[in-house]
N, C-alpha and C. Protein backbone atom coordinates (compact mmCIF):
# COMPACT_ATOMS: atom_id res chain seq x y z
N MET A 1 30.49 -80.11 -36.83
CA MET A 1 31.53 -78.60 -37.73
C MET A 1 31.52 -77.42 -38.32
N VAL A 2 29.31 -78.33 -38.97
CA VAL A 2 28.56 -76.98 -39.30
C VAL A 2 28.73 -76.50 -38.18
N LYS A 3 27.92 -76.67 -37.30
CA LYS A 3 27.43 -75.56 -36.60
C LYS A 3 28.15 -75.10 -35.69
N ASN A 4 29.64 -75.74 -35.14
CA ASN A 4 30.77 -74.91 -34.81
C ASN A 4 30.74 -73.79 -35.99
N LEU A 5 31.68 -74.20 -37.22
CA LEU A 5 31.21 -72.30 -38.19
C LEU A 5 29.84 -71.59 -38.10
N LEU A 6 28.65 -72.38 -37.74
CA LEU A 6 28.12 -71.08 -38.23
C LEU A 6 27.85 -70.46 -36.68
N LEU A 7 27.81 -71.50 -35.19
CA LEU A 7 28.14 -70.69 -34.37
C LEU A 7 28.76 -69.50 -34.28
N THR A 8 30.20 -69.57 -34.40
CA THR A 8 30.93 -68.49 -34.64
C THR A 8 30.45 -67.75 -35.36
N LEU A 9 30.65 -67.89 -36.64
CA LEU A 9 30.09 -66.26 -37.45
C LEU A 9 28.69 -65.66 -36.91
N HIS A 10 28.05 -66.55 -36.36
CA HIS A 10 26.73 -65.60 -35.15
C HIS A 10 27.27 -65.15 -34.58
N LEU A 11 28.44 -64.88 -33.02
CA LEU A 11 29.02 -65.09 -32.38
C LEU A 11 29.45 -64.01 -32.99
N VAL A 12 30.29 -63.60 -33.49
CA VAL A 12 31.13 -62.86 -33.96
C VAL A 12 30.46 -61.77 -35.20
N ALA A 13 29.68 -62.33 -35.57
CA ALA A 13 28.13 -60.56 -37.00
C ALA A 13 27.73 -60.34 -35.35
N VAL A 14 27.17 -61.15 -34.04
CA VAL A 14 26.02 -60.06 -33.02
C VAL A 14 27.11 -59.23 -32.87
N ILE A 15 28.26 -59.50 -32.34
CA ILE A 15 29.27 -59.01 -31.84
C ILE A 15 29.65 -57.56 -32.48
N SER A 16 29.62 -57.73 -33.48
CA SER A 16 29.81 -56.98 -34.98
C SER A 16 28.73 -55.61 -34.58
N TRP A 17 27.98 -56.40 -34.24
CA TRP A 17 25.96 -55.63 -35.25
C TRP A 17 25.98 -54.73 -33.71
N MET A 18 26.09 -55.67 -32.33
CA MET A 18 26.01 -54.99 -31.38
C MET A 18 26.92 -53.48 -30.77
N ALA A 19 28.81 -53.47 -31.58
CA ALA A 19 29.24 -52.83 -30.65
C ALA A 19 29.48 -51.32 -32.06
N GLY A 20 28.72 -51.78 -33.18
CA GLY A 20 27.54 -50.69 -34.29
C GLY A 20 26.88 -49.57 -33.78
N ILE A 21 26.11 -51.11 -33.60
CA ILE A 21 24.53 -50.33 -32.92
C ILE A 21 24.50 -49.46 -31.69
N LEU A 22 25.84 -49.45 -30.54
CA LEU A 22 25.69 -48.59 -30.05
C LEU A 22 26.67 -48.02 -29.41
N TYR A 23 28.11 -47.48 -30.76
CA TYR A 23 28.19 -46.62 -30.84
C TYR A 23 27.60 -45.51 -32.36
N LEU A 24 26.57 -46.37 -32.87
CA LEU A 24 26.32 -45.16 -33.81
C LEU A 24 24.94 -43.96 -33.60
N TYR A 25 24.62 -44.91 -31.98
CA TYR A 25 22.98 -44.28 -30.88
C TYR A 25 23.93 -43.48 -30.12
N ARG A 26 25.37 -43.34 -29.82
CA ARG A 26 26.43 -43.09 -29.16
C ARG A 26 26.84 -41.62 -29.99
N LEU A 27 27.35 -42.03 -30.80
CA LEU A 27 27.30 -41.33 -32.54
C LEU A 27 25.91 -40.03 -32.54
N ILE A 28 24.85 -40.47 -32.86
CA ILE A 28 23.50 -39.80 -32.16
C ILE A 28 24.19 -38.42 -30.96
N VAL A 29 24.11 -39.22 -30.29
CA VAL A 29 24.33 -38.07 -28.77
C VAL A 29 24.79 -36.95 -29.38
N TYR A 30 26.30 -37.30 -29.24
CA TYR A 30 26.72 -36.05 -29.52
C TYR A 30 26.38 -35.23 -30.57
N HIS A 31 25.93 -36.25 -32.25
CA HIS A 31 25.73 -35.37 -33.47
C HIS A 31 24.95 -34.83 -33.21
N VAL A 32 23.47 -34.70 -31.77
CA VAL A 32 22.62 -34.14 -31.87
C VAL A 32 22.65 -32.67 -30.65
N ALA A 33 23.97 -32.95 -30.19
CA ALA A 33 24.80 -32.22 -29.09
C ALA A 33 24.79 -30.71 -29.63
N GLU A 34 25.91 -31.16 -30.83
CA GLU A 34 26.34 -30.59 -31.30
C GLU A 34 25.97 -29.42 -32.18
N SER A 35 26.86 -28.62 -32.58
CA SER A 35 26.52 -26.89 -32.94
C SER A 35 27.33 -26.21 -33.60
N GLU A 36 28.91 -26.65 -33.71
CA GLU A 36 29.45 -26.14 -34.81
C GLU A 36 30.11 -27.00 -36.99
N GLU A 37 28.98 -26.61 -37.50
CA GLU A 37 29.06 -27.35 -38.26
C GLU A 37 29.85 -28.23 -39.05
N LEU A 38 30.85 -28.15 -39.32
CA LEU A 38 32.16 -28.62 -39.19
C LEU A 38 32.11 -29.64 -38.48
N VAL A 39 32.47 -29.67 -37.58
CA VAL A 39 31.57 -31.83 -36.50
C VAL A 39 30.87 -31.57 -37.04
N ARG A 40 29.82 -31.06 -36.79
CA ARG A 40 28.92 -31.85 -37.19
C ARG A 40 29.01 -32.71 -39.13
N GLY A 41 29.25 -32.13 -39.22
CA GLY A 41 29.76 -33.20 -41.28
C GLY A 41 30.83 -34.02 -40.74
N ARG A 42 31.44 -34.36 -39.56
CA ARG A 42 32.32 -35.40 -39.34
C ARG A 42 31.64 -36.45 -38.49
N PHE A 43 30.57 -35.86 -37.78
CA PHE A 43 29.87 -36.90 -37.52
C PHE A 43 28.73 -38.28 -38.59
N ARG A 44 28.83 -36.78 -39.27
CA ARG A 44 28.24 -37.76 -41.05
C ARG A 44 27.79 -38.28 -41.70
N ILE A 45 29.96 -37.91 -41.34
CA ILE A 45 30.65 -39.30 -42.25
C ILE A 45 31.15 -40.84 -40.93
N MET A 46 30.61 -39.86 -40.07
CA MET A 46 31.19 -41.28 -39.41
C MET A 46 29.67 -42.22 -39.45
N GLU A 47 28.85 -41.73 -39.00
CA GLU A 47 27.67 -42.33 -39.36
C GLU A 47 26.82 -43.38 -40.58
N ARG A 48 26.92 -42.94 -41.69
CA ARG A 48 26.89 -43.22 -42.56
C ARG A 48 27.56 -44.53 -42.72
N ARG A 49 29.12 -44.58 -42.76
CA ARG A 49 30.36 -45.18 -43.34
C ARG A 49 29.69 -46.53 -41.93
N LEU A 50 29.51 -45.56 -40.73
CA LEU A 50 29.25 -47.17 -39.53
C LEU A 50 28.53 -47.61 -40.18
N TYR A 51 26.87 -47.13 -40.39
CA TYR A 51 25.53 -47.79 -40.45
C TYR A 51 25.65 -49.18 -41.79
N ARG A 52 26.21 -48.68 -42.76
CA ARG A 52 26.28 -48.81 -43.96
C ARG A 52 27.58 -49.78 -44.02
N ALA A 53 28.52 -49.89 -43.31
CA ALA A 53 29.87 -50.92 -44.14
C ALA A 53 29.99 -51.80 -42.59
N ILE A 54 29.41 -50.88 -41.12
CA ILE A 54 29.45 -52.23 -40.03
C ILE A 54 28.26 -52.70 -39.57
N THR A 55 27.32 -51.96 -39.20
CA THR A 55 26.16 -52.52 -38.23
C THR A 55 24.83 -53.27 -39.83
N LEU A 56 25.04 -52.58 -40.48
CA LEU A 56 23.61 -53.10 -41.42
C LEU A 56 24.60 -54.49 -41.66
N PRO A 57 25.82 -54.60 -42.15
CA PRO A 57 26.21 -56.13 -42.65
C PRO A 57 26.32 -57.03 -41.70
N ALA A 58 27.36 -57.18 -40.26
CA ALA A 58 26.42 -57.50 -39.24
C ALA A 58 25.41 -58.11 -38.97
N MET A 59 24.36 -56.90 -38.82
CA MET A 59 22.90 -57.75 -38.49
C MET A 59 22.46 -58.17 -39.69
N GLY A 60 23.19 -57.67 -40.61
CA GLY A 60 22.32 -59.78 -42.24
C GLY A 60 23.06 -60.55 -42.00
N VAL A 61 24.68 -60.91 -41.69
CA VAL A 61 25.72 -62.35 -41.33
C VAL A 61 24.43 -62.65 -39.86
N ALA A 62 24.68 -61.74 -39.10
CA ALA A 62 23.62 -63.05 -37.66
C ALA A 62 22.26 -63.02 -37.91
N ALA A 63 21.82 -62.33 -39.16
CA ALA A 63 20.48 -62.93 -39.23
C ALA A 63 20.90 -64.29 -40.23
N LEU A 64 21.69 -64.65 -41.09
CA LEU A 64 21.60 -65.13 -41.58
C LEU A 64 22.47 -67.05 -41.00
N ALA A 65 23.14 -66.14 -40.16
CA ALA A 65 24.32 -67.57 -39.23
C ALA A 65 22.92 -68.32 -38.52
N GLY A 66 22.40 -67.31 -38.35
CA GLY A 66 21.28 -67.83 -36.62
C GLY A 66 19.92 -68.90 -37.46
N ALA A 67 19.49 -68.73 -38.96
CA ALA A 67 18.23 -68.98 -39.55
C ALA A 67 19.35 -70.88 -40.15
N GLY A 68 20.54 -69.99 -39.77
CA GLY A 68 21.94 -71.33 -40.21
C GLY A 68 21.97 -73.13 -38.82
N LEU A 69 21.85 -71.90 -37.90
CA LEU A 69 21.30 -72.69 -37.08
C LEU A 69 20.50 -73.80 -36.47
N ILE A 70 19.22 -72.72 -36.94
CA ILE A 70 18.49 -73.09 -37.01
C ILE A 70 17.94 -74.47 -37.05
N SER A 71 17.77 -74.04 -38.77
CA SER A 71 17.99 -74.96 -39.24
C SER A 71 18.59 -76.00 -39.41
N LEU A 72 19.44 -76.38 -38.45
CA LEU A 72 20.07 -77.67 -38.65
C LEU A 72 19.37 -78.67 -37.32
N ASP A 73 18.18 -78.12 -37.22
CA ASP A 73 17.98 -79.29 -35.34
C ASP A 73 16.51 -78.37 -36.23
N PRO A 74 16.06 -77.86 -36.62
CA PRO A 74 14.51 -76.80 -37.00
C PRO A 74 13.08 -77.67 -36.74
N GLN A 75 13.73 -78.39 -35.80
CA GLN A 75 11.94 -79.51 -34.60
C GLN A 75 12.45 -79.54 -33.31
N TYR A 76 13.48 -79.46 -32.83
CA TYR A 76 13.48 -78.77 -30.55
C TYR A 76 13.93 -77.19 -31.44
N TYR A 77 14.32 -76.39 -32.14
CA TYR A 77 14.95 -74.84 -32.26
C TYR A 77 12.97 -73.88 -32.35
N LEU A 78 13.13 -74.68 -33.24
CA LEU A 78 11.20 -73.83 -33.90
C LEU A 78 10.42 -74.51 -32.21
N ARG A 79 10.26 -74.89 -31.43
CA ARG A 79 9.92 -75.23 -30.43
C ARG A 79 10.28 -75.25 -28.67
N ALA A 80 11.62 -74.44 -29.20
CA ALA A 80 12.09 -74.47 -27.30
C ALA A 80 11.77 -72.53 -27.89
N HIS A 81 10.29 -72.40 -25.97
CA HIS A 81 10.22 -71.68 -26.02
C HIS A 81 10.80 -70.36 -25.86
N TRP A 82 12.62 -70.33 -24.78
CA TRP A 82 13.27 -69.34 -24.65
C TRP A 82 13.70 -69.13 -26.21
N LEU A 83 13.98 -69.89 -26.80
CA LEU A 83 14.14 -69.12 -29.14
C LEU A 83 13.13 -68.25 -29.21
N GLN A 84 11.81 -69.04 -28.67
CA GLN A 84 10.38 -68.24 -29.67
C GLN A 84 11.09 -66.52 -28.89
N VAL A 85 10.90 -65.80 -27.51
CA VAL A 85 10.80 -65.15 -27.31
C VAL A 85 12.59 -63.94 -27.58
N LYS A 86 13.94 -65.00 -27.51
CA LYS A 86 14.93 -64.08 -28.02
C LYS A 86 15.11 -63.88 -29.49
N LEU A 87 14.06 -64.74 -30.33
CA LEU A 87 13.70 -64.62 -31.78
C LEU A 87 12.95 -62.86 -30.78
N GLY A 88 12.20 -63.26 -30.51
CA GLY A 88 10.84 -61.35 -30.70
C GLY A 88 11.92 -60.51 -30.52
N LEU A 89 12.68 -60.95 -29.09
CA LEU A 89 13.78 -59.59 -28.69
C LEU A 89 15.27 -59.47 -29.91
N VAL A 90 15.05 -60.07 -30.33
CA VAL A 90 15.92 -60.02 -32.06
C VAL A 90 14.66 -59.41 -32.44
N VAL A 91 13.98 -58.91 -32.69
CA VAL A 91 12.39 -58.45 -33.81
C VAL A 91 13.19 -56.66 -33.37
N LEU A 92 12.47 -56.79 -31.71
CA LEU A 92 13.17 -54.98 -31.44
C LEU A 92 14.43 -54.74 -31.66
N LEU A 93 15.50 -55.84 -31.17
CA LEU A 93 17.18 -54.91 -32.36
C LEU A 93 16.84 -54.63 -33.76
N VAL A 94 15.98 -55.69 -34.47
CA VAL A 94 16.62 -55.27 -35.53
C VAL A 94 15.83 -54.06 -35.69
N ALA A 95 14.23 -53.54 -35.24
CA ALA A 95 14.53 -51.99 -35.31
C ALA A 95 14.61 -51.21 -34.82
N SER A 96 15.38 -51.50 -33.83
CA SER A 96 16.04 -50.51 -33.18
C SER A 96 17.37 -50.15 -33.54
N THR A 97 17.92 -51.03 -34.41
CA THR A 97 19.48 -50.48 -35.58
C THR A 97 18.57 -49.72 -36.64
N ILE A 98 16.83 -50.39 -36.79
CA ILE A 98 16.67 -49.58 -38.28
C ILE A 98 16.50 -47.69 -37.90
N HIS A 99 16.02 -47.60 -36.56
CA HIS A 99 15.43 -46.41 -35.67
C HIS A 99 16.42 -45.24 -35.88
N ALA A 100 17.87 -46.33 -35.74
CA ALA A 100 19.58 -45.96 -35.58
C ALA A 100 19.60 -45.11 -36.51
N GLY A 101 19.69 -45.84 -37.67
CA GLY A 101 19.41 -45.82 -39.04
C GLY A 101 18.82 -44.31 -39.19
N GLN A 102 16.77 -44.73 -39.85
CA GLN A 102 16.25 -43.35 -40.49
C GLN A 102 17.24 -42.41 -39.06
N LEU A 103 17.41 -42.48 -38.27
CA LEU A 103 17.46 -41.37 -37.36
C LEU A 103 18.92 -39.88 -37.94
N ALA A 104 20.32 -40.73 -38.15
CA ALA A 104 20.94 -40.87 -37.92
C ALA A 104 20.97 -39.62 -40.15
N HIS A 105 19.75 -40.56 -40.78
CA HIS A 105 19.86 -40.55 -42.15
C HIS A 105 18.79 -38.75 -42.05
N ARG A 106 18.53 -38.39 -40.76
CA ARG A 106 17.23 -37.09 -40.82
C ARG A 106 18.75 -36.62 -40.12
N LEU A 107 19.75 -36.88 -39.76
CA LEU A 107 20.84 -35.80 -39.05
C LEU A 107 21.70 -35.52 -40.51
N ALA A 108 21.06 -36.57 -41.15
CA ALA A 108 22.27 -35.75 -42.69
C ALA A 108 22.08 -35.12 -43.23
N THR A 109 20.82 -34.93 -43.53
CA THR A 109 19.69 -34.12 -44.57
C THR A 109 18.89 -32.92 -43.15
N ASN A 110 19.58 -32.59 -42.15
CA ASN A 110 19.14 -31.69 -41.35
C ASN A 110 17.85 -31.76 -40.94
N ARG A 111 17.15 -32.66 -40.88
CA ARG A 111 15.91 -31.96 -40.65
C ARG A 111 16.20 -32.74 -38.71
N PRO A 112 14.89 -31.27 -38.11
CA PRO A 112 15.01 -31.91 -36.96
C PRO A 112 14.96 -33.48 -35.93
N VAL A 113 15.55 -33.97 -35.23
CA VAL A 113 15.10 -35.61 -34.79
C VAL A 113 14.90 -35.48 -32.85
N GLY A 114 15.57 -34.18 -32.45
CA GLY A 114 14.36 -34.52 -30.99
C GLY A 114 15.94 -33.98 -29.95
N SER A 115 15.78 -34.48 -28.59
CA SER A 115 16.34 -33.86 -28.10
C SER A 115 17.57 -34.65 -27.63
N GLU A 116 18.62 -34.24 -26.61
CA GLU A 116 20.20 -35.15 -27.25
C GLU A 116 19.40 -36.12 -25.96
N ARG A 117 18.59 -35.55 -24.83
CA ARG A 117 18.16 -36.68 -23.43
C ARG A 117 17.43 -37.76 -23.67
N ARG A 118 16.36 -38.01 -24.90
CA ARG A 118 15.93 -38.92 -26.16
C ARG A 118 16.07 -39.88 -26.07
N TYR A 119 17.63 -39.65 -26.94
CA TYR A 119 18.49 -40.43 -27.79
C TYR A 119 19.70 -40.97 -26.68
N ARG A 120 19.90 -40.49 -25.34
CA ARG A 120 20.84 -41.12 -24.91
C ARG A 120 19.68 -42.09 -23.77
N VAL A 121 18.91 -41.95 -23.58
CA VAL A 121 17.78 -42.56 -23.19
C VAL A 121 18.26 -44.19 -24.77
N LEU A 122 17.37 -43.42 -25.58
CA LEU A 122 17.59 -44.57 -26.58
C LEU A 122 18.76 -45.42 -26.91
N ASN A 123 19.69 -45.10 -26.68
CA ASN A 123 21.26 -45.58 -26.74
C ASN A 123 21.31 -47.54 -25.66
N GLU A 124 20.63 -46.37 -24.08
CA GLU A 124 20.22 -47.97 -23.76
C GLU A 124 19.52 -49.26 -23.78
N VAL A 125 18.53 -48.41 -24.77
CA VAL A 125 17.50 -49.84 -25.50
C VAL A 125 18.50 -51.28 -26.44
N PRO A 126 19.24 -51.72 -27.47
CA PRO A 126 20.23 -52.06 -27.65
C PRO A 126 20.83 -52.87 -26.09
N THR A 127 21.01 -52.26 -25.92
CA THR A 127 21.80 -53.13 -24.70
C THR A 127 21.03 -53.71 -23.16
N LEU A 128 20.29 -53.49 -23.12
CA LEU A 128 19.13 -54.63 -22.48
C LEU A 128 18.66 -55.49 -22.80
N LEU A 129 18.18 -55.48 -24.15
CA LEU A 129 17.87 -56.35 -25.33
C LEU A 129 19.22 -57.55 -25.09
N MET A 130 20.29 -56.61 -25.65
CA MET A 130 21.43 -57.20 -25.42
C MET A 130 21.23 -58.83 -23.81
N ILE A 131 21.36 -58.43 -22.73
CA ILE A 131 21.26 -58.21 -21.78
C ILE A 131 19.60 -59.96 -22.40
N ALA A 132 18.88 -58.81 -22.14
CA ALA A 132 18.12 -60.30 -22.06
C ALA A 132 18.70 -61.31 -23.40
N ILE A 133 18.62 -61.09 -23.29
CA ILE A 133 19.08 -62.14 -25.12
C ILE A 133 20.30 -63.02 -24.81
N VAL A 134 21.22 -61.97 -24.26
CA VAL A 134 22.27 -63.19 -23.51
C VAL A 134 21.51 -63.94 -22.27
N VAL A 135 20.77 -63.40 -21.33
CA VAL A 135 20.48 -64.43 -20.25
C VAL A 135 19.57 -66.07 -20.57
N LEU A 136 18.35 -65.30 -21.77
CA LEU A 136 17.70 -65.78 -22.40
C LEU A 136 18.85 -67.93 -23.48
N VAL A 137 19.44 -67.04 -23.92
CA VAL A 137 20.06 -68.64 -24.52
C VAL A 137 20.77 -69.12 -23.89
N VAL A 138 21.83 -68.44 -22.69
CA VAL A 138 22.91 -69.27 -21.59
C VAL A 138 21.50 -70.16 -20.39
N PHE A 139 20.53 -69.28 -19.75
CA PHE A 139 19.79 -69.94 -18.62
C PHE A 139 19.18 -70.67 -18.99
N ARG A 140 17.95 -70.57 -20.64
CA ARG A 140 17.36 -71.44 -21.90
C ARG A 140 16.61 -71.16 -20.27
N PRO A 141 15.46 -70.24 -19.72
CA PRO A 141 14.73 -70.38 -18.54
C PRO A 141 13.77 -71.34 -19.42
N PHE A 142 12.87 -71.41 -20.29
CA PHE A 142 11.81 -72.39 -20.51
C PHE A 142 11.79 -73.24 -21.88
């Protein structure tokens, strides 16, 4: 029962986190490309709210629920190589999330952040990490 509750919480939080980070990077792409100040102001508000109210809390809940799942059988999980690789990829996903928040903050303070093309490429990083993580969890290749 506890395992199912933690797993449900973990999955819902991960879905929310991924939705938030993917949308945040997309907003950043549009924000960088925008020249009209009124629209840029709207992007600032949307980015801040999305990051603080959805993305960061969902990431935190996903981490706590994941830690809770590991704590149910630490002997197995901490020795599972697939989980070790997954956790490494999750660290990269956390770094990508924090980086997006830093970019949004730089945009909010009108500091240059780079080209639109750069952020279109960065927008794909969370998706690729997510795919690799799901493959590891489903197939547990090692």
